[in-house]
Amino acid sequence: MLKLYVIRHGETEWNTQKRSQGRLDSALTEKGKEDARLLGERLKETDFQRIISSPSTRTMETAMLVAGNHRTYIETDERLMEIHLGAWQGKVEADIEREYPEQFHAYWNQPESYVGVGGETFLDVKKRIHKFLLELEKTTPNGNVLVVTHGVVIKALYLLCRNAPIEEIWAPPFIHGTCLTVINVQNGKMELLLEGCTAHCS
């Protein structure tokens, strides 16, 4: 059986500013770094066959801090990148709401009808994370795999686990920085064992 340990990157400077990141990047805060180190301590006895990260700087740095002394090579996969937010990227939430009121409302309240300006839809994200999972189970059917990714990707992953529609993408839990989700994967079926856990956080 494949066991996935899925984590969101640590808190970033832009997270604290409520600034949209998407495919752009910002540095981890001291809290983000410390939480990643604490998660690494929590997982230090877990033997990972693979560690796979989104290629974003914030996820790669988180992966390295969590991996600590694990000698496992950190791979990257673009399918783990955050939703592409197009024209919203780099803007603070208040400005997005003012400049794109209809899209902003749809993003949070009618996600099934959200269409960004030059970016992706939630369905796009769900499709690419599904392809990633299918391929991962074929190449690594057994063992523990650490996946370091982003909030919307983890939310899309929950939809797949629950066989739920896009309308439910914002259902609890909230995906905090370095939160841990654990999923068993076998024969294409996924079972959520732990969701968005932050017990290790400072």
C-alpha atoms as a PDB file:
ATOM      1  CA  MET A   1       0.000   0.000   0.000  1.00  0.00           C
ATOM      2  CA  LEU A   2       1.134   3.540  -0.810  1.00  0.00           C
ATOM      3  CA  LYS A   3       0.970   5.976   2.093  1.00  0.00           C
ATOM      4  CA  LEU A   4       1.085   9.669   1.248  1.00  0.00           C
ATOM      5  CA  TYR A   5       2.235  12.319   3.694  1.00  0.00           C
ATOM      6  CA  VAL A   6       1.020  15.553   2.111  1.00  0.00           C
ATOM      7  CA  ILE A   7       2.044  18.936   3.492  1.00  0.00           C
ATOM      8  CA  ARG A   8       1.523  22.542   2.554  1.00  0.00           C
ATOM      9  CA  HIS A   9       4.560  24.826   2.437  1.00  0.00           C
ATOM     10  CA  GLY A  10       5.329  26.896   5.519  1.00  0.00           C
ATOM     11  CA  GLU A  11       3.955  30.380   6.083  1.00  0.00           C
ATOM     12  CA  THR A  12       5.407  32.983   3.694  1.00  0.00           C
ATOM     13  CA  GLU A  13       5.817  36.757   3.780  1.00  0.00           C
ATOM     14  CA  TRP A  14       3.036  37.121   1.220  1.00  0.00           C
ATOM     15  CA  ASN A  15       0.721  34.885   3.259  1.00  0.00           C
ATOM     16  CA  THR A  16       0.990  37.346   6.135  1.00  0.00           C
ATOM     17  CA  GLN A  17       0.160  40.214   3.738  1.00  0.00           C
ATOM     18  CA  LYS A  18      -2.832  38.366   2.193  1.00  0.00           C
ATOM     19  CA  ARG A  19      -1.058  38.704  -1.144  1.00  0.00           C
ATOM     20  CA  SER A  20      -1.858  36.136  -3.834  1.00  0.00           C
ATOM     21  CA  GLN A  21       1.113  33.964  -4.771  1.00  0.00           C
ATOM     22  CA  GLY A  22      -0.055  31.354  -7.270  1.00  0.00           C
ATOM     23  CA  ARG A  23       2.955  30.667  -9.492  1.00  0.00           C
ATOM     24  CA  LEU A  24       4.904  33.605  -8.035  1.00  0.00           C
ATOM     25  CA  ASP A  25       6.901  33.214  -4.848  1.00  0.00           C
ATOM     26  CA  SER A  26       7.893  34.803  -1.570  1.00  0.00           C
ATOM     27  CA  ALA A  27      10.206  33.787   1.248  1.00  0.00           C
ATOM     28  CA  LEU A  28       9.210  31.678   4.233  1.00  0.00           C
ATOM     29  CA  THR A  29       8.721  33.624   7.458  1.00  0.00           C
ATOM     30  CA  GLU A  30      10.616  32.603  10.587  1.00  0.00           C
ATOM     31  CA  LYS A  31       7.402  30.898  11.745  1.00  0.00           C
ATOM     32  CA  GLY A  32       7.208  29.048   8.425  1.00  0.00           C
ATOM     33  CA  LYS A  33      10.768  27.791   8.818  1.00  0.00           C
ATOM     34  CA  GLU A  34      10.307  26.804  12.454  1.00  0.00           C
ATOM     35  CA  ASP A  35       7.058  24.949  11.757  1.00  0.00           C
ATOM     36  CA  ALA A  36       8.770  23.034   8.941  1.00  0.00           C
ATOM     37  CA  ARG A  37      11.607  22.050  11.281  1.00  0.00           C
ATOM     38  CA  LEU A  38       9.071  20.947  13.914  1.00  0.00           C
ATOM     39  CA  LEU A  39       7.245  18.834  11.334  1.00  0.00           C
ATOM     40  CA  GLY A  40      10.573  17.304  10.373  1.00  0.00           C
ATOM     41  CA  GLU A  41      11.069  16.346  14.013  1.00  0.00           C
ATOM     42  CA  ARG A  42       7.563  14.847  14.086  1.00  0.00           C
ATOM     43  CA  LEU A  43       8.320  12.728  11.003  1.00  0.00           C
ATOM     44  CA  LYS A  44      11.956  11.872  11.711  1.00  0.00           C
ATOM     45  CA  GLU A  45      11.200   8.181  12.352  1.00  0.00           C
ATOM     46  CA  THR A  46       9.232   7.816   9.091  1.00  0.00           C
ATOM     47  CA  ASP A  47      11.167   6.184   6.266  1.00  0.00           C
ATOM     48  CA  PHE A  48      10.309   7.903   2.976  1.00  0.00           C
ATOM     49  CA  GLN A  49      10.825   6.067  -0.306  1.00  0.00           C
ATOM     50  CA  ARG A  50      10.421   9.351  -2.168  1.00  0.00           C
ATOM     51  CA  ILE A  51      10.081  13.062  -1.427  1.00  0.00           C
ATOM     52  CA  ILE A  52       8.304  14.991  -4.185  1.00  0.00           C
ATOM     53  CA  SER A  53       7.841  18.767  -4.115  1.00  0.00           C
ATOM     54  CA  SER A  54       6.296  21.468  -6.215  1.00  0.00           C
ATOM     55  CA  PRO A  55       9.220  23.322  -7.858  1.00  0.00           C
ATOM     56  CA  SER A  56       8.229  26.615  -6.185  1.00  0.00           C
ATOM     57  CA  THR A  57      10.918  28.033  -3.903  1.00  0.00           C
ATOM     58  CA  ARG A  58       8.611  28.067  -0.862  1.00  0.00           C
ATOM     59  CA  THR A  59       7.795  24.371  -1.213  1.00  0.00           C
ATOM     60  CA  MET A  60      11.381  23.324  -1.958  1.00  0.00           C
ATOM     61  CA  GLU A  61      12.650  25.174   1.124  1.00  0.00           C
ATOM     62  CA  THR A  62       9.907  23.583   3.221  1.00  0.00           C
ATOM     63  CA  ALA A  63      10.765  20.137   1.828  1.00  0.00           C
ATOM     64  CA  MET A  64      14.438  20.555   2.737  1.00  0.00           C
ATOM     65  CA  LEU A  65      13.623  21.687   6.279  1.00  0.00           C
ATOM     66  CA  VAL A  66      11.172  18.830   6.829  1.00  0.00           C
ATOM     67  CA  ALA A  67      13.529  16.267   5.284  1.00  0.00           C
ATOM     68  CA  GLY A  68      16.313  17.314   7.653  1.00  0.00           C
ATOM     69  CA  ASN A  69      18.787  14.441   7.815  1.00  0.00           C
ATOM     70  CA  HIS A  70      16.756  12.150   5.554  1.00  0.00           C
ATOM     71  CA  ARG A  71      19.039  11.210   2.682  1.00  0.00           C
ATOM     72  CA  THR A  72      16.137  10.881   0.268  1.00  0.00           C
ATOM     73  CA  TYR A  73      16.587  12.961  -2.900  1.00  0.00           C
ATOM     74  CA  ILE A  74      13.943  15.688  -3.313  1.00  0.00           C
ATOM     75  CA  GLU A  75      12.225  15.390  -6.687  1.00  0.00           C
ATOM     76  CA  THR A  76      10.054  18.075  -8.272  1.00  0.00           C
ATOM     77  CA  ASP A  77       6.833  17.799 -10.261  1.00  0.00           C
ATOM     78  CA  GLU A  78       5.099  20.793 -11.858  1.00  0.00           C
ATOM     79  CA  ARG A  79       1.695  19.143 -11.358  1.00  0.00           C
ATOM     80  CA  LEU A  80       2.101  19.936  -7.658  1.00  0.00           C
ATOM     81  CA  MET A  81       2.324  23.701  -8.280  1.00  0.00           C
ATOM     82  CA  GLU A  82      -0.280  26.063  -6.864  1.00  0.00           C
ATOM     83  CA  ILE A  83      -3.283  27.118  -8.929  1.00  0.00           C
ATOM     84  CA  HIS A  84      -2.217  29.664 -11.554  1.00  0.00           C
ATOM     85  CA  LEU A  85      -4.025  32.851 -10.563  1.00  0.00           C
ATOM     86  CA  GLY A  86      -3.185  34.832 -13.684  1.00  0.00           C
ATOM     87  CA  ALA A  87      -3.741  38.586 -13.250  1.00  0.00           C
ATOM     88  CA  TRP A  88      -4.304  38.170  -9.499  1.00  0.00           C
ATOM     89  CA  GLN A  89      -0.759  37.035  -8.774  1.00  0.00           C
ATOM     90  CA  GLY A  90       1.191  39.498  -6.649  1.00  0.00           C
ATOM     91  CA  LYS A  91      -1.915  41.494  -5.695  1.00  0.00           C
ATOM     92  CA  VAL A  92      -3.318  41.793  -2.172  1.00  0.00           C
ATOM     93  CA  GLU A  93      -6.761  40.361  -1.510  1.00  0.00           C
ATOM     94  CA  ALA A  94      -8.471  43.733  -1.016  1.00  0.00           C
ATOM     95  CA  ASP A  95      -7.280  44.973  -4.431  1.00  0.00           C
ATOM     96  CA  ILE A  96      -8.393  41.761  -6.143  1.00  0.00           C
ATOM     97  CA  GLU A  97     -11.860  42.062  -4.622  1.00  0.00           C
ATOM     98  CA  ARG A  98     -12.108  45.682  -5.809  1.00  0.00           C
ATOM     99  CA  GLU A  99     -10.739  45.085  -9.332  1.00  0.00           C
ATOM    100  CA  TYR A 100     -12.368  41.703 -10.039  1.00  0.00           C
ATOM    101  CA  PRO A 101     -15.517  41.612  -7.861  1.00  0.00           C
ATOM    102  CA  GLU A 102     -17.407  38.959  -9.851  1.00  0.00           C
ATOM    103  CA  GLN A 103     -14.452  36.583 -10.178  1.00  0.00           C
ATOM    104  CA  PHE A 104     -13.510  37.116  -6.516  1.00  0.00           C
ATOM    105  CA  HIS A 105     -17.037  36.259  -5.413  1.00  0.00           C
ATOM    106  CA  ALA A 106     -17.063  33.146  -7.604  1.00  0.00           C
ATOM    107  CA  TYR A 107     -13.649  32.011  -6.338  1.00  0.00           C
ATOM    108  CA  TRP A 108     -14.845  31.868  -2.731  1.00  0.00           C
ATOM    109  CA  ASN A 109     -18.593  31.286  -3.083  1.00  0.00           C
ATOM    110  CA  GLN A 110     -19.224  29.567  -6.438  1.00  0.00           C
ATOM    111  CA  PRO A 111     -15.918  27.789  -7.161  1.00  0.00           C
ATOM    112  CA  GLU A 112     -17.497  25.597  -9.844  1.00  0.00           C
ATOM    113  CA  SER A 113     -18.096  28.733 -11.967  1.00  0.00           C
ATOM    114  CA  TYR A 114     -14.799  30.514 -11.213  1.00  0.00           C
ATOM    115  CA  VAL A 115     -12.805  31.460 -14.316  1.00  0.00           C
ATOM    116  CA  GLY A 116      -9.720  33.551 -13.644  1.00  0.00           C
ATOM    117  CA  VAL A 117      -8.062  36.153 -15.838  1.00  0.00           C
ATOM    118  CA  GLY A 118      -5.294  34.232 -17.579  1.00  0.00           C
ATOM    119  CA  GLY A 119      -5.028  31.439 -15.010  1.00  0.00           C
ATOM    120  CA  GLU A 120      -6.478  28.037 -14.149  1.00  0.00           C
ATOM    121  CA  THR A 121      -9.832  26.806 -12.907  1.00  0.00           C
ATOM    122  CA  PHE A 122     -10.235  24.535  -9.891  1.00  0.00           C
ATOM    123  CA  LEU A 123     -11.103  21.708 -12.289  1.00  0.00           C
ATOM    124  CA  ASP A 124      -7.741  22.197 -14.023  1.00  0.00           C
ATOM    125  CA  VAL A 125      -5.987  21.704 -10.691  1.00  0.00           C
ATOM    126  CA  LYS A 126      -8.092  18.666  -9.818  1.00  0.00           C
ATOM    127  CA  LYS A 127      -7.284  17.022 -13.158  1.00  0.00           C
ATOM    128  CA  ARG A 128      -3.527  17.500 -12.888  1.00  0.00           C
ATOM    129  CA  ILE A 129      -3.279  16.266  -9.297  1.00  0.00           C
ATOM    130  CA  HIS A 130      -5.355  13.227 -10.308  1.00  0.00           C
ATOM    131  CA  LYS A 131      -2.898  12.425 -13.119  1.00  0.00           C
ATOM    132  CA  PHE A 132      -0.028  12.827 -10.670  1.00  0.00           C
ATOM    133  CA  LEU A 133      -1.621  10.362  -8.247  1.00  0.00           C
ATOM    134  CA  LEU A 134      -2.373   7.754 -10.905  1.00  0.00           C
ATOM    135  CA  GLU A 135       1.216   7.870 -12.115  1.00  0.00           C
ATOM    136  CA  LEU A 136       2.615   7.828  -8.582  1.00  0.00           C
ATOM    137  CA  GLU A 137       0.689   4.686  -7.634  1.00  0.00           C
ATOM    138  CA  LYS A 138       2.012   2.927 -10.746  1.00  0.00           C
ATOM    139  CA  THR A 139       5.646   3.850 -10.082  1.00  0.00           C
ATOM    140  CA  THR A 140       5.544   3.554  -6.275  1.00  0.00           C
ATOM    141  CA  PRO A 141       2.713   1.180  -5.267  1.00  0.00           C
ATOM    142  CA  ASN A 142       4.097   0.618  -1.770  1.00  0.00           C
ATOM    143  CA  GLY A 143       5.835   2.588   0.952  1.00  0.00           C
ATOM    144  CA  ASN A 144       5.776   6.141   2.283  1.00  0.00           C
ATOM    145  CA  VAL A 145       5.971   9.182   0.007  1.00  0.00           C
ATOM    146  CA  LEU A 146       6.252  12.776   1.235  1.00  0.00           C
ATOM    147  CA  VAL A 147       4.511  15.321  -1.012  1.00  0.00           C
ATOM    148  CA  VAL A 148       5.116  19.048  -0.476  1.00  0.00           C
ATOM    149  CA  THR A 149       2.611  21.263  -2.251  1.00  0.00           C
ATOM    150  CA  HIS A 150       0.096  24.126  -1.897  1.00  0.00           C
ATOM    151  CA  GLY A 151      -3.280  24.907  -0.364  1.00  0.00           C
ATOM    152  CA  VAL A 152      -5.544  24.649  -3.406  1.00  0.00           C
ATOM    153  CA  VAL A 153      -3.798  21.479  -4.575  1.00  0.00           C
ATOM    154  CA  ILE A 154      -4.451  19.852  -1.192  1.00  0.00           C
ATOM    155  CA  LYS A 155      -8.084  20.991  -1.342  1.00  0.00           C
ATOM    156  CA  ALA A 156      -8.394  19.379  -4.798  1.00  0.00           C
ATOM    157  CA  LEU A 157      -6.826  16.226  -3.383  1.00  0.00           C
ATOM    158  CA  TYR A 158      -9.532  16.103  -0.706  1.00  0.00           C
ATOM    159  CA  LEU A 159     -12.185  16.284  -3.435  1.00  0.00           C
ATOM    160  CA  LEU A 160     -10.648  13.241  -5.104  1.00  0.00           C
ATOM    161  CA  CYS A 161     -10.500  11.332  -1.815  1.00  0.00           C
ATOM    162  CA  ARG A 162     -14.161  12.101  -1.083  1.00  0.00           C
ATOM    163  CA  ASN A 163     -15.368  11.833  -4.686  1.00  0.00           C
ATOM    164  CA  ALA A 164     -16.790  15.314  -4.128  1.00  0.00           C
ATOM    165  CA  PRO A 165     -17.649  18.066  -6.661  1.00  0.00           C
ATOM    166  CA  ILE A 166     -15.780  21.355  -7.135  1.00  0.00           C
ATOM    167  CA  GLU A 167     -18.568  23.091  -5.191  1.00  0.00           C
ATOM    168  CA  GLU A 168     -17.122  21.567  -2.014  1.00  0.00           C
ATOM    169  CA  ILE A 169     -13.498  22.622  -2.478  1.00  0.00           C
ATOM    170  CA  TRP A 170     -13.605  25.034   0.482  1.00  0.00           C
ATOM    171  CA  ALA A 171     -15.111  22.505   2.903  1.00  0.00           C
ATOM    172  CA  PRO A 172     -13.127  22.180   6.165  1.00  0.00           C
ATOM    173  CA  PRO A 173     -10.436  21.767   7.271  1.00  0.00           C
ATOM    174  CA  PHE A 174      -8.516  24.978   6.611  1.00  0.00           C
ATOM    175  CA  ILE A 175      -5.089  24.283   5.110  1.00  0.00           C
ATOM    176  CA  HIS A 176      -2.560  26.030   7.349  1.00  0.00           C
ATOM    177  CA  GLY A 177       1.168  26.271   6.676  1.00  0.00           C
ATOM    178  CA  THR A 178       2.977  22.892   7.104  1.00  0.00           C
ATOM    179  CA  CYS A 179      -0.284  21.132   7.991  1.00  0.00           C
ATOM    180  CA  LEU A 180      -0.070  17.364   7.562  1.00  0.00           C
ATOM    181  CA  THR A 181      -2.500  15.155   5.652  1.00  0.00           C
ATOM    182  CA  VAL A 182      -2.028  11.382   5.494  1.00  0.00           C
ATOM    183  CA  ILE A 183      -3.685   9.252   2.811  1.00  0.00           C
ATOM    184  CA  ASN A 184      -3.617   5.528   2.054  1.00  0.00           C
ATOM    185  CA  VAL A 185      -3.712   4.774  -1.678  1.00  0.00           C
ATOM    186  CA  GLN A 186      -4.440   1.278  -2.993  1.00  0.00           C
ATOM    187  CA  ASN A 187      -5.873   0.150  -6.333  1.00  0.00           C
ATOM    188  CA  GLY A 188      -6.861   3.708  -7.182  1.00  0.00           C
ATOM    189  CA  LYS A 189      -8.817   4.150  -3.960  1.00  0.00           C
ATOM    190  CA  MET A 190      -7.831   6.795  -1.421  1.00  0.00           C
ATOM    191  CA  GLU A 191      -8.550   6.834   2.287  1.00  0.00           C
ATOM    192  CA  LEU A 192      -7.980   9.965   4.359  1.00  0.00           C
ATOM    193  CA  LEU A 193      -6.318   9.050   7.657  1.00  0.00           C
ATOM    194  CA  LEU A 194      -5.386  12.540   8.863  1.00  0.00           C
ATOM    195  CA  GLU A 195      -6.528  15.938   7.584  1.00  0.00           C
ATOM    196  CA  GLY A 196      -4.759  19.291   7.906  1.00  0.00           C
ATOM    197  CA  CYS A 197      -3.090  18.489  11.229  1.00  0.00           C
ATOM    198  CA  THR A 198      -1.021  21.278  12.815  1.00  0.00           C
ATOM    199  CA  ALA A 199      -0.253  19.592  16.162  1.00  0.00           C
ATOM    200  CA  HIS A 200       3.469  20.183  15.586  1.00  0.00           C
ATOM    201  CA  CYS A 201       3.219  23.920  14.859  1.00  0.00           C
ATOM    202  CA  SER A 202       4.750  26.625  17.062  1.00  0.00           C
END
